[in-house]
């Protein structure tokens, strides 16, 4: 994700959803401020499955900012898969195979 952001021409930001500071605010409000005040065009949110009620926040973000490029990821694929019913028409699933650095 960081490589995508670095290569992007858009104004972008990486957010780790398991960060305590991020968890202490509304994810929608955070994205709203970044888009409206800082003109961010591309947001990558990692470990989304750790954020409370993440599906509702992501649905609202996608619906409110149709031009925003948004990538969400989580290490718990099963949690993401089970929780995407409300996001069926809004999310694309790109499974990534395990990386081996040996």
PDB file of N, CA and C in Angstrom:
ATOM      1  N   UNK A   1       0.819  -1.187   0.000  1.00  0.00           N
ATOM      2  CA  UNK A   1       0.000   0.000   0.000  1.00  0.00           C
ATOM      3  C   UNK A   1       0.865   1.255   0.000  1.00  0.00           C
ATOM      4  N   UNK A   2       1.911   1.232   0.802  1.00  0.00           N
ATOM      5  CA  UNK A   2       2.784   2.407   0.852  1.00  0.00           C
ATOM      6  C   UNK A   2       3.444   2.670  -0.496  1.00  0.00           C
ATOM      7  N   UNK A   3       3.793   1.606  -1.207  1.00  0.00           N
ATOM      8  CA  UNK A   3       4.390   1.776  -2.525  1.00  0.00           C
ATOM      9  C   UNK A   3       3.384   2.414  -3.495  1.00  0.00           C
ATOM     10  N   UNK A   4       2.127   1.985  -3.429  1.00  0.00           N
ATOM     11  CA  UNK A   4       1.094   2.596  -4.266  1.00  0.00           C
ATOM     12  C   UNK A   4       0.959   4.086  -3.967  1.00  0.00           C
ATOM     13  N   UNK A   5       0.980   4.432  -2.704  1.00  0.00           N
ATOM     14  CA  UNK A   5       0.856   5.834  -2.317  1.00  0.00           C
ATOM     15  C   UNK A   5       2.052   6.655  -2.803  1.00  0.00           C
ATOM     16  N   UNK A   6       3.241   6.077  -2.685  1.00  0.00           N
ATOM     17  CA  UNK A   6       4.446   6.789  -3.130  1.00  0.00           C
ATOM     18  C   UNK A   6       4.442   7.033  -4.641  1.00  0.00           C
ATOM     19  N   UNK A   7       3.919   6.065  -5.375  1.00  0.00           N
ATOM     20  CA  UNK A   7       3.902   6.174  -6.831  1.00  0.00           C
ATOM     21  C   UNK A   7       2.727   7.002  -7.345  1.00  0.00           C
ATOM     22  N   UNK A   8       1.786   7.274  -6.500  1.00  0.00           N
ATOM     23  CA  UNK A   8       0.577   7.993  -6.897  1.00  0.00           C
ATOM     24  C   UNK A   8       0.862   9.466  -7.161  1.00  0.00           C
ATOM     25  N   UNK A   9       0.164  10.007  -8.126  1.00  0.00           N
ATOM     26  CA  UNK A   9       0.266  11.442  -8.428  1.00  0.00           C
ATOM     27  C   UNK A   9      -0.694  12.251  -7.552  1.00  0.00           C
ATOM     28  N   UNK A  10      -1.679  11.554  -6.951  1.00  0.00           N
ATOM     29  CA  UNK A  10      -2.658  12.235  -6.104  1.00  0.00           C
ATOM     30  C   UNK A  10      -2.070  12.542  -4.728  1.00  0.00           C
ATOM     31  N   UNK A  11      -2.668  13.514  -4.082  1.00  0.00           N
ATOM     32  CA  UNK A  11      -2.320  13.834  -2.702  1.00  0.00           C
ATOM     33  C   UNK A  11      -2.869  12.700  -1.845  1.00  0.00           C
ATOM     34  N   UNK A  12      -1.993  12.002  -1.110  1.00  0.00           N
ATOM     35  CA  UNK A  12      -2.415  10.767  -0.457  1.00  0.00           C
ATOM     36  C   UNK A  12      -1.938  10.676   0.991  1.00  0.00           C
ATOM     37  N   UNK A  13      -2.549   9.706   1.711  1.00  0.00           N
ATOM     38  CA  UNK A  13      -2.194   9.483   3.113  1.00  0.00           C
ATOM     39  C   UNK A  13      -2.452   8.023   3.479  1.00  0.00           C
ATOM     40  N   UNK A  14      -1.625   7.517   4.391  1.00  0.00           N
ATOM     41  CA  UNK A  14      -1.766   6.163   4.943  1.00  0.00           C
ATOM     42  C   UNK A  14      -2.290   6.285   6.370  1.00  0.00           C
ATOM     43  N   UNK A  15      -3.285   5.465   6.716  1.00  0.00           N
ATOM     44  CA  UNK A  15      -3.851   5.459   8.061  1.00  0.00           C
ATOM     45  C   UNK A  15      -3.822   4.031   8.579  1.00  0.00           C
ATOM     46  N   UNK A  16      -3.311   3.842   9.789  1.00  0.00           N
ATOM     47  CA  UNK A  16      -3.356   2.538  10.432  1.00  0.00           C
ATOM     48  C   UNK A  16      -4.528   2.542  11.410  1.00  0.00           C
ATOM     49  N   UNK A  17      -5.554   1.756  11.107  1.00  0.00           N
ATOM     50  CA  UNK A  17      -6.781   1.771  11.905  1.00  0.00           C
ATOM     51  C   UNK A  17      -6.602   1.164  13.285  1.00  0.00           C
ATOM     52  N   UNK A  18      -5.494   0.451  13.523  1.00  0.00           N
ATOM     53  CA  UNK A  18      -5.290  -0.109  14.855  1.00  0.00           C
ATOM     54  C   UNK A  18      -4.528   0.843  15.773  1.00  0.00           C
ATOM     55  N   UNK A  19      -4.229   2.039  15.298  1.00  0.00           N
ATOM     56  CA  UNK A  19      -3.585   3.062  16.119  1.00  0.00           C
ATOM     57  C   UNK A  19      -4.599   3.615  17.121  1.00  0.00           C
ATOM     58  N   UNK A  20      -4.206   3.728  18.370  1.00  0.00           N
ATOM     59  CA  UNK A  20      -5.134   4.199  19.411  1.00  0.00           C
ATOM     60  C   UNK A  20      -5.666   5.597  19.137  1.00  0.00           C
ATOM     61  N   UNK A  21      -4.860   6.455  18.573  1.00  0.00           N
ATOM     62  CA  UNK A  21      -5.323   7.801  18.252  1.00  0.00           C
ATOM     63  C   UNK A  21      -6.416   7.758  17.178  1.00  0.00           C
ATOM     64  N   UNK A  22      -6.236   6.913  16.188  1.00  0.00           N
ATOM     65  CA  UNK A  22      -7.232   6.778  15.132  1.00  0.00           C
ATOM     66  C   UNK A  22      -8.514   6.164  15.699  1.00  0.00           C
ATOM     67  N   UNK A  23      -8.371   5.160  16.567  1.00  0.00           N
ATOM     68  CA  UNK A  23      -9.543   4.510  17.156  1.00  0.00           C
ATOM     69  C   UNK A  23     -10.356   5.443  18.051  1.00  0.00           C
ATOM     70  N   UNK A  24      -9.731   6.519  18.515  1.00  0.00           N
ATOM     71  CA  UNK A  24     -10.419   7.416  19.447  1.00  0.00           C
ATOM     72  C   UNK A  24     -11.310   8.445  18.743  1.00  0.00           C
ATOM     73  N   UNK A  25     -11.290   8.465  17.410  1.00  0.00           N
ATOM     74  CA  UNK A  25     -12.117   9.412  16.655  1.00  0.00           C
ATOM     75  C   UNK A  25     -12.990   8.647  15.665  1.00  0.00           C
ATOM     76  N   UNK A  26     -13.944   9.317  15.098  1.00  0.00           N
ATOM     77  CA  UNK A  26     -14.769   8.725  14.052  1.00  0.00           C
ATOM     78  C   UNK A  26     -13.944   8.644  12.773  1.00  0.00           C
ATOM     79  N   UNK A  27     -13.886   7.464  12.180  1.00  0.00           N
ATOM     80  CA  UNK A  27     -13.140   7.291  10.935  1.00  0.00           C
ATOM     81  C   UNK A  27     -13.734   8.161   9.831  1.00  0.00           C
ATOM     82  N   UNK A  28     -15.050   8.235   9.779  1.00  0.00           N
ATOM     83  CA  UNK A  28     -15.698   9.090   8.784  1.00  0.00           C
ATOM     84  C   UNK A  28     -15.299  10.547   8.984  1.00  0.00           C
ATOM     85  N   UNK A  29     -15.330  11.033  10.226  1.00  0.00           N
ATOM     86  CA  UNK A  29     -14.962  12.424  10.506  1.00  0.00           C
ATOM     87  C   UNK A  29     -13.510  12.701  10.132  1.00  0.00           C
ATOM     88  N   UNK A  30     -12.636  11.734  10.398  1.00  0.00           N
ATOM     89  CA  UNK A  30     -11.223  11.891  10.044  1.00  0.00           C
ATOM     90  C   UNK A  30     -11.061  12.019   8.528  1.00  0.00           C
ATOM     91  N   UNK A  31     -11.694  11.131   7.794  1.00  0.00           N
ATOM     92  CA  UNK A  31     -11.607  11.178   6.325  1.00  0.00           C
ATOM     93  C   UNK A  31     -12.254  12.453   5.791  1.00  0.00           C
ATOM     94  N   UNK A  32     -13.381  12.841   6.358  1.00  0.00           N
ATOM     95  CA  UNK A  32     -14.052  14.070   5.938  1.00  0.00           C
ATOM     96  C   UNK A  32     -13.102  15.262   6.056  1.00  0.00           C
ATOM     97  N   UNK A  33     -12.422  15.368   7.200  1.00  0.00           N
ATOM     98  CA  UNK A  33     -11.483  16.475   7.426  1.00  0.00           C
ATOM     99  C   UNK A  33     -10.316  16.406   6.437  1.00  0.00           C
ATOM    100  N   UNK A  34      -9.777  15.221   6.216  1.00  0.00           N
ATOM    101  CA  UNK A  34      -8.654  15.074   5.287  1.00  0.00           C
ATOM    102  C   UNK A  34      -9.041  15.469   3.860  1.00  0.00           C
ATOM    103  N   UNK A  35     -10.226  15.073   3.439  1.00  0.00           N
ATOM    104  CA  UNK A  35     -10.670  15.371   2.076  1.00  0.00           C
ATOM    105  C   UNK A  35     -11.054  16.838   1.926  1.00  0.00           C
ATOM    106  N   UNK A  36     -11.840  17.338   2.853  1.00  0.00           N
ATOM    107  CA  UNK A  36     -12.345  18.710   2.742  1.00  0.00           C
ATOM    108  C   UNK A  36     -11.282  19.769   3.050  1.00  0.00           C
ATOM    109  N   UNK A  37     -10.529  19.583   4.130  1.00  0.00           N
ATOM    110  CA  UNK A  37      -9.569  20.604   4.560  1.00  0.00           C
ATOM    111  C   UNK A  37      -8.192  20.473   3.903  1.00  0.00           C
ATOM    112  N   UNK A  38      -7.761  19.235   3.662  1.00  0.00           N
ATOM    113  CA  UNK A  38      -6.404  19.019   3.144  1.00  0.00           C
ATOM    114  C   UNK A  38      -6.388  18.526   1.698  1.00  0.00           C
ATOM    115  N   UNK A  39      -7.569  18.384   1.113  1.00  0.00           N
ATOM    116  CA  UNK A  39      -7.713  18.002  -0.300  1.00  0.00           C
ATOM    117  C   UNK A  39      -7.035  16.673  -0.630  1.00  0.00           C
ATOM    118  N   UNK A  40      -7.073  15.728   0.315  1.00  0.00           N
ATOM    119  CA  UNK A  40      -6.529  14.392   0.086  1.00  0.00           C
ATOM    120  C   UNK A  40      -7.401  13.679  -0.944  1.00  0.00           C
ATOM    121  N   UNK A  41      -6.758  13.005  -1.911  1.00  0.00           N
ATOM    122  CA  UNK A  41      -7.476  12.338  -2.997  1.00  0.00           C
ATOM    123  C   UNK A  41      -7.369  10.814  -2.948  1.00  0.00           C
ATOM    124  N   UNK A  42      -6.425  10.309  -2.163  1.00  0.00           N
ATOM    125  CA  UNK A  42      -6.161   8.872  -2.124  1.00  0.00           C
ATOM    126  C   UNK A  42      -5.825   8.496  -0.685  1.00  0.00           C
ATOM    127  N   UNK A  43      -6.620   7.594  -0.101  1.00  0.00           N
ATOM    128  CA  UNK A  43      -6.413   7.183   1.285  1.00  0.00           C
ATOM    129  C   UNK A  43      -6.265   5.676   1.344  1.00  0.00           C
ATOM    130  N   UNK A  44      -5.254   5.211   2.057  1.00  0.00           N
ATOM    131  CA  UNK A  44      -5.053   3.785   2.312  1.00  0.00           C
ATOM    132  C   UNK A  44      -5.229   3.554   3.810  1.00  0.00           C
ATOM    133  N   UNK A  45      -6.162   2.688   4.165  1.00  0.00           N
ATOM    134  CA  UNK A  45      -6.428   2.379   5.572  1.00  0.00           C
ATOM    135  C   UNK A  45      -6.071   0.920   5.810  1.00  0.00           C
ATOM    136  N   UNK A  46      -5.100   0.695   6.681  1.00  0.00           N
ATOM    137  CA  UNK A  46      -4.628  -0.653   6.994  1.00  0.00           C
ATOM    138  C   UNK A  46      -5.242  -1.122   8.306  1.00  0.00           C
ATOM    139  N   UNK A  47      -5.337  -2.439   8.463  1.00  0.00           N
ATOM    140  CA  UNK A  47      -5.887  -3.078   9.667  1.00  0.00           C
ATOM    141  C   UNK A  47      -7.303  -2.589   9.965  1.00  0.00           C
ATOM    142  N   UNK A  48      -8.105  -2.440   8.932  1.00  0.00           N
ATOM    143  CA  UNK A  48      -9.461  -1.897   9.072  1.00  0.00           C
ATOM    144  C   UNK A  48     -10.327  -2.760   9.978  1.00  0.00           C
ATOM    145  N   UNK A  49     -10.073  -4.070  10.010  1.00  0.00           N
ATOM    146  CA  UNK A  49     -10.919  -4.964  10.803  1.00  0.00           C
ATOM    147  C   UNK A  49     -10.837  -4.687  12.307  1.00  0.00           C
ATOM    148  N   UNK A  50      -9.827  -3.933  12.742  1.00  0.00           N
ATOM    149  CA  UNK A  50      -9.683  -3.624  14.174  1.00  0.00           C
ATOM    150  C   UNK A  50     -10.491  -2.392  14.580  1.00  0.00           C
ATOM    151  N   UNK A  51     -11.029  -1.661  13.607  1.00  0.00           N
ATOM    152  CA  UNK A  51     -11.766  -0.437  13.909  1.00  0.00           C
ATOM    153  C   UNK A  51     -13.231  -0.782  14.187  1.00  0.00           C
ATOM    154  N   UNK A  52     -13.791  -0.271  15.280  1.00  0.00           N
ATOM    155  CA  UNK A  52     -15.195  -0.568  15.604  1.00  0.00           C
ATOM    156  C   UNK A  52     -16.155  -0.062  14.521  1.00  0.00           C
ATOM    157  N   UNK A  53     -17.089  -0.911  14.131  1.00  0.00           N
ATOM    158  CA  UNK A  53     -18.121  -0.577  13.134  1.00  0.00           C
ATOM    159  C   UNK A  53     -17.519  -0.051  11.830  1.00  0.00           C
ATOM    160  N   UNK A  54     -16.415  -0.627  11.407  1.00  0.00           N
ATOM    161  CA  UNK A  54     -15.698  -0.142  10.237  1.00  0.00           C
ATOM    162  C   UNK A  54     -16.558  -0.170   8.977  1.00  0.00           C
ATOM    163  N   UNK A  55     -17.458  -1.177   8.849  1.00  0.00           N
ATOM    164  CA  UNK A  55     -18.271  -1.288   7.646  1.00  0.00           C
ATOM    165  C   UNK A  55     -19.133  -0.051   7.433  1.00  0.00           C
ATOM    166  N   UNK A  56     -19.731   0.448   8.505  1.00  0.00           N
ATOM    167  CA  UNK A  56     -20.597   1.628   8.406  1.00  0.00           C
ATOM    168  C   UNK A  56     -19.797   2.866   8.004  1.00  0.00           C
ATOM    169  N   UNK A  57     -18.612   3.002   8.568  1.00  0.00           N
ATOM    170  CA  UNK A  57     -17.752   4.147   8.238  1.00  0.00           C
ATOM    171  C   UNK A  57     -17.328   4.093   6.774  1.00  0.00           C
ATOM    172  N   UNK A  58     -16.882   2.910   6.321  1.00  0.00           N
ATOM    173  CA  UNK A  58     -16.422   2.768   4.940  1.00  0.00           C
ATOM    174  C   UNK A  58     -17.574   3.006   3.970  1.00  0.00           C
ATOM    175  N   UNK A  59     -18.749   2.475   4.258  1.00  0.00           N
ATOM    176  CA  UNK A  59     -19.916   2.696   3.399  1.00  0.00           C
ATOM    177  C   UNK A  59     -20.214   4.190   3.284  1.00  0.00           C
ATOM    178  N   UNK A  60     -20.203   4.897   4.399  1.00  0.00           N
ATOM    179  CA  UNK A  60     -20.471   6.340   4.382  1.00  0.00           C
ATOM    180  C   UNK A  60     -19.387   7.108   3.633  1.00  0.00           C
ATOM    181  N   UNK A  61     -18.144   6.696   3.799  1.00  0.00           N
ATOM    182  CA  UNK A  61     -17.030   7.355   3.101  1.00  0.00           C
ATOM    183  C   UNK A  61     -17.174   7.173   1.593  1.00  0.00           C
ATOM    184  N   UNK A  62     -17.433   5.940   1.158  1.00  0.00           N
ATOM    185  CA  UNK A  62     -17.570   5.658  -0.273  1.00  0.00           C
ATOM    186  C   UNK A  62     -18.748   6.428  -0.861  1.00  0.00           C
ATOM    187  N   UNK A  63     -19.857   6.451  -0.141  1.00  0.00           N
ATOM    188  CA  UNK A  63     -21.044   7.148  -0.639  1.00  0.00           C
ATOM    189  C   UNK A  63     -20.875   8.667  -0.648  1.00  0.00           C
ATOM    190  N   UNK A  64     -20.133   9.200   0.312  1.00  0.00           N
ATOM    191  CA  UNK A  64     -19.981  10.654   0.437  1.00  0.00           C
ATOM    192  C   UNK A  64     -18.893  11.238  -0.454  1.00  0.00           C
ATOM    193  N   UNK A  65     -17.893  10.435  -0.779  1.00  0.00           N
ATOM    194  CA  UNK A  65     -16.753  10.920  -1.569  1.00  0.00           C
ATOM    195  C   UNK A  65     -16.513  10.001  -2.766  1.00  0.00           C
ATOM    196  N   UNK A  66     -17.361  10.055  -3.781  1.00  0.00           N
ATOM    197  CA  UNK A  66     -17.238   9.130  -4.911  1.00  0.00           C
ATOM    198  C   UNK A  66     -15.942   9.272  -5.701  1.00  0.00           C
ATOM    199  N   UNK A  67     -15.286  10.415  -5.659  1.00  0.00           N
ATOM    200  CA  UNK A  67     -14.034  10.602  -6.403  1.00  0.00           C
ATOM    201  C   UNK A  67     -12.800  10.169  -5.605  1.00  0.00           C
ATOM    202  N   UNK A  68     -12.972   9.911  -4.318  1.00  0.00           N
ATOM    203  CA  UNK A  68     -11.858   9.516  -3.460  1.00  0.00           C
ATOM    204  C   UNK A  68     -11.393   8.108  -3.800  1.00  0.00           C
ATOM    205  N   UNK A  69     -10.088   7.955  -3.990  1.00  0.00           N
ATOM    206  CA  UNK A  69      -9.515   6.619  -4.134  1.00  0.00           C
ATOM    207  C   UNK A  69      -9.297   6.095  -2.719  1.00  0.00           C
ATOM    208  N   UNK A  70      -9.807   4.896  -2.445  1.00  0.00           N
ATOM    209  CA  UNK A  70      -9.753   4.336  -1.099  1.00  0.00           C
ATOM    210  C   UNK A  70      -9.349   2.873  -1.165  1.00  0.00           C
ATOM    211  N   UNK A  71      -8.316   2.542  -0.406  1.00  0.00           N
ATOM    212  CA  UNK A  71      -7.892   1.149  -0.270  1.00  0.00           C
ATOM    213  C   UNK A  71      -7.983   0.808   1.211  1.00  0.00           C
ATOM    214  N   UNK A  72      -8.633  -0.307   1.521  1.00  0.00           N
ATOM    215  CA  UNK A  72      -8.666  -0.788   2.900  1.00  0.00           C
ATOM    216  C   UNK A  72      -8.097  -2.196   2.915  1.00  0.00           C
ATOM    217  N   UNK A  73      -7.395  -2.508   3.997  1.00  0.00           N
ATOM    218  CA  UNK A  73      -6.840  -3.850   4.117  1.00  0.00           C
ATOM    219  C   UNK A  73      -6.885  -4.275   5.572  1.00  0.00           C
ATOM    220  N   UNK A  74      -6.777  -5.564   5.751  1.00  0.00           N
ATOM    221  CA  UNK A  74      -6.729  -6.119   7.095  1.00  0.00           C
ATOM    222  C   UNK A  74      -6.085  -7.482   7.037  1.00  0.00           C
ATOM    223  N   UNK A  75      -5.447  -7.860   8.111  1.00  0.00           N
ATOM    224  CA  UNK A  75      -4.778  -9.150   8.116  1.00  0.00           C
ATOM    225  C   UNK A  75      -5.751 -10.283   8.379  1.00  0.00           C
ATOM    226  N   UNK A  76      -6.941  -9.968   8.838  1.00  0.00           N
ATOM    227  CA  UNK A  76      -7.932 -10.997   9.105  1.00  0.00           C
ATOM    228  C   UNK A  76      -8.934 -11.057   7.958  1.00  0.00           C
ATOM    229  N   UNK A  77      -8.596 -11.811   6.929  1.00  0.00           N
ATOM    230  CA  UNK A  77      -9.446 -11.905   5.745  1.00  0.00           C
ATOM    231  C   UNK A  77     -10.836 -12.415   6.103  1.00  0.00           C
ATOM    232  N   UNK A  78     -10.923 -13.357   7.031  1.00  0.00           N
ATOM    233  CA  UNK A  78     -12.223 -13.905   7.405  1.00  0.00           C
ATOM    234  C   UNK A  78     -13.126 -12.833   7.997  1.00  0.00           C
ATOM    235  N   UNK A  79     -12.575 -11.975   8.852  1.00  0.00           N
ATOM    236  CA  UNK A  79     -13.358 -10.874   9.421  1.00  0.00           C
ATOM    237  C   UNK A  79     -13.834  -9.930   8.324  1.00  0.00           C
ATOM    238  N   UNK A  80     -12.977  -9.611   7.390  1.00  0.00           N
ATOM    239  CA  UNK A  80     -13.356  -8.720   6.293  1.00  0.00           C
ATOM    240  C   UNK A  80     -14.433  -9.363   5.428  1.00  0.00           C
ATOM    241  N   UNK A  81     -14.269 -10.628   5.125  1.00  0.00           N
ATOM    242  CA  UNK A  81     -15.213 -11.328   4.260  1.00  0.00           C
ATOM    243  C   UNK A  81     -16.595 -11.414   4.899  1.00  0.00           C
ATOM    244  N   UNK A  82     -16.654 -11.730   6.199  1.00  0.00           N
ATOM    245  CA  UNK A  82     -17.937 -11.873   6.891  1.00  0.00           C
ATOM    246  C   UNK A  82     -18.656 -10.542   7.033  1.00  0.00           C
ATOM    247  N   UNK A  83     -17.937  -9.453   7.119  1.00  0.00           N
ATOM    248  CA  UNK A  83     -18.530  -8.163   7.437  1.00  0.00           C
ATOM    249  C   UNK A  83     -18.860  -7.298   6.231  1.00  0.00           C
ATOM    250  N   UNK A  84     -18.708  -7.804   5.032  1.00  0.00           N
ATOM    251  CA  UNK A  84     -18.883  -6.942   3.861  1.00  0.00           C
ATOM    252  C   UNK A  84     -20.267  -7.011   3.236  1.00  0.00           C
ATOM    253  N   UNK A  85     -21.240  -7.597   3.900  1.00  0.00           N
ATOM    254  CA  UNK A  85     -22.579  -7.717   3.323  1.00  0.00           C
ATOM    255  C   UNK A  85     -23.157  -6.354   2.943  1.00  0.00           C
ATOM    256  N   UNK A  86     -22.973  -5.351   3.782  1.00  0.00           N
ATOM    257  CA  UNK A  86     -23.517  -4.028   3.484  1.00  0.00           C
ATOM    258  C   UNK A  86     -22.691  -3.297   2.426  1.00  0.00           C
ATOM    259  N   UNK A  87     -21.543  -3.852   2.084  1.00  0.00           N
ATOM    260  CA  UNK A  87     -20.650  -3.196   1.134  1.00  0.00           C
ATOM    261  C   UNK A  87     -20.523  -3.972  -0.178  1.00  0.00           C
ATOM    262  N   UNK A  88     -21.378  -4.955  -0.396  1.00  0.00           N
ATOM    263  CA  UNK A  88     -21.258  -5.855  -1.539  1.00  0.00           C
ATOM    264  C   UNK A  88     -21.027  -5.147  -2.864  1.00  0.00           C
ATOM    265  N   UNK A  89     -21.765  -4.092  -3.153  1.00  0.00           N
ATOM    266  CA  UNK A  89     -21.633  -3.408  -4.438  1.00  0.00           C
ATOM    267  C   UNK A  89     -20.572  -2.309  -4.410  1.00  0.00           C
ATOM    268  N   UNK A  90     -19.901  -2.131  -3.300  1.00  0.00           N
ATOM    269  CA  UNK A  90     -18.962  -1.023  -3.177  1.00  0.00           C
ATOM    270  C   UNK A  90     -17.500  -1.465  -3.077  1.00  0.00           C
ATOM    271  N   UNK A  91     -17.255  -2.714  -2.705  1.00  0.00           N
ATOM    272  CA  UNK A  91     -15.889  -3.173  -2.485  1.00  0.00           C
ATOM    273  C   UNK A  91     -15.463  -4.184  -3.540  1.00  0.00           C
ATOM    274  N   UNK A  92     -14.189  -4.150  -3.862  1.00  0.00           N
ATOM    275  CA  UNK A  92     -13.565  -5.153  -4.704  1.00  0.00           C
ATOM    276  C   UNK A  92     -12.553  -5.875  -3.844  1.00  0.00           C
ATOM    277  N   UNK A  93     -12.573  -7.184  -3.905  1.00  0.00           N
ATOM    278  CA  UNK A  93     -11.668  -7.987  -3.100  1.00  0.00           C
ATOM    279  C   UNK A  93     -10.480  -8.415  -3.956  1.00  0.00           C
ATOM    280  N   UNK A  94      -9.271  -8.068  -3.521  1.00  0.00           N
ATOM    281  CA  UNK A  94      -8.056  -8.457  -4.208  1.00  0.00           C
ATOM    282  C   UNK A  94      -7.210  -9.297  -3.261  1.00  0.00           C
ATOM    283  N   UNK A  95      -7.381 -10.618  -3.285  1.00  0.00           N
ATOM    284  CA  UNK A  95      -6.575 -11.444  -2.399  1.00  0.00           C
ATOM    285  C   UNK A  95      -5.093 -11.371  -2.791  1.00  0.00           C
ATOM    286  N   UNK A  96      -4.251 -11.326  -1.803  1.00  0.00           N
ATOM    287  CA  UNK A  96      -2.811 -11.271  -2.033  1.00  0.00           C
ATOM    288  C   UNK A  96      -2.195 -12.515  -1.411  1.00  0.00           C
ATOM    289  N   UNK A  97      -1.386 -13.205  -2.181  1.00  0.00           N
ATOM    290  CA  UNK A  97      -0.761 -14.422  -1.657  1.00  0.00           C
ATOM    291  C   UNK A  97       0.308 -14.070  -0.638  1.00  0.00           C
ATOM    292  N   UNK A  98       0.656 -15.040   0.166  1.00  0.00           N
ATOM    293  CA  UNK A  98       1.674 -14.864   1.188  1.00  0.00           C
ATOM    294  C   UNK A  98       3.021 -14.535   0.554  1.00  0.00           C
ATOM    295  N   UNK A  99       3.701 -13.552   1.125  1.00  0.00           N
ATOM    296  CA  UNK A  99       5.015 -13.167   0.609  1.00  0.00           C
ATOM    297  C   UNK A  99       6.099 -13.983   1.315  1.00  0.00           C
ATOM    298  N   UNK A 100       7.122 -14.345   0.586  1.00  0.00           N
ATOM    299  CA  UNK A 100       8.230 -15.094   1.134  1.00  0.00           C
ATOM    300  C   UNK A 100       9.505 -14.316   0.844  1.00  0.00           C
ATOM    301  N   UNK A 101      10.199 -13.890   1.875  1.00  0.00           N
ATOM    302  CA  UNK A 101      11.406 -13.095   1.695  1.00  0.00           C
ATOM    303  C   UNK A 101      12.683 -13.920   1.817  1.00  0.00           C
ATOM    304  N   UNK A 102      12.550 -15.231   1.776  1.00  0.00           N
ATOM    305  CA  UNK A 102      13.718 -16.110   1.920  1.00  0.00           C
ATOM    306  C   UNK A 102      14.546 -16.145   0.663  1.00  0.00           C
TER     307      UNK A 102
END
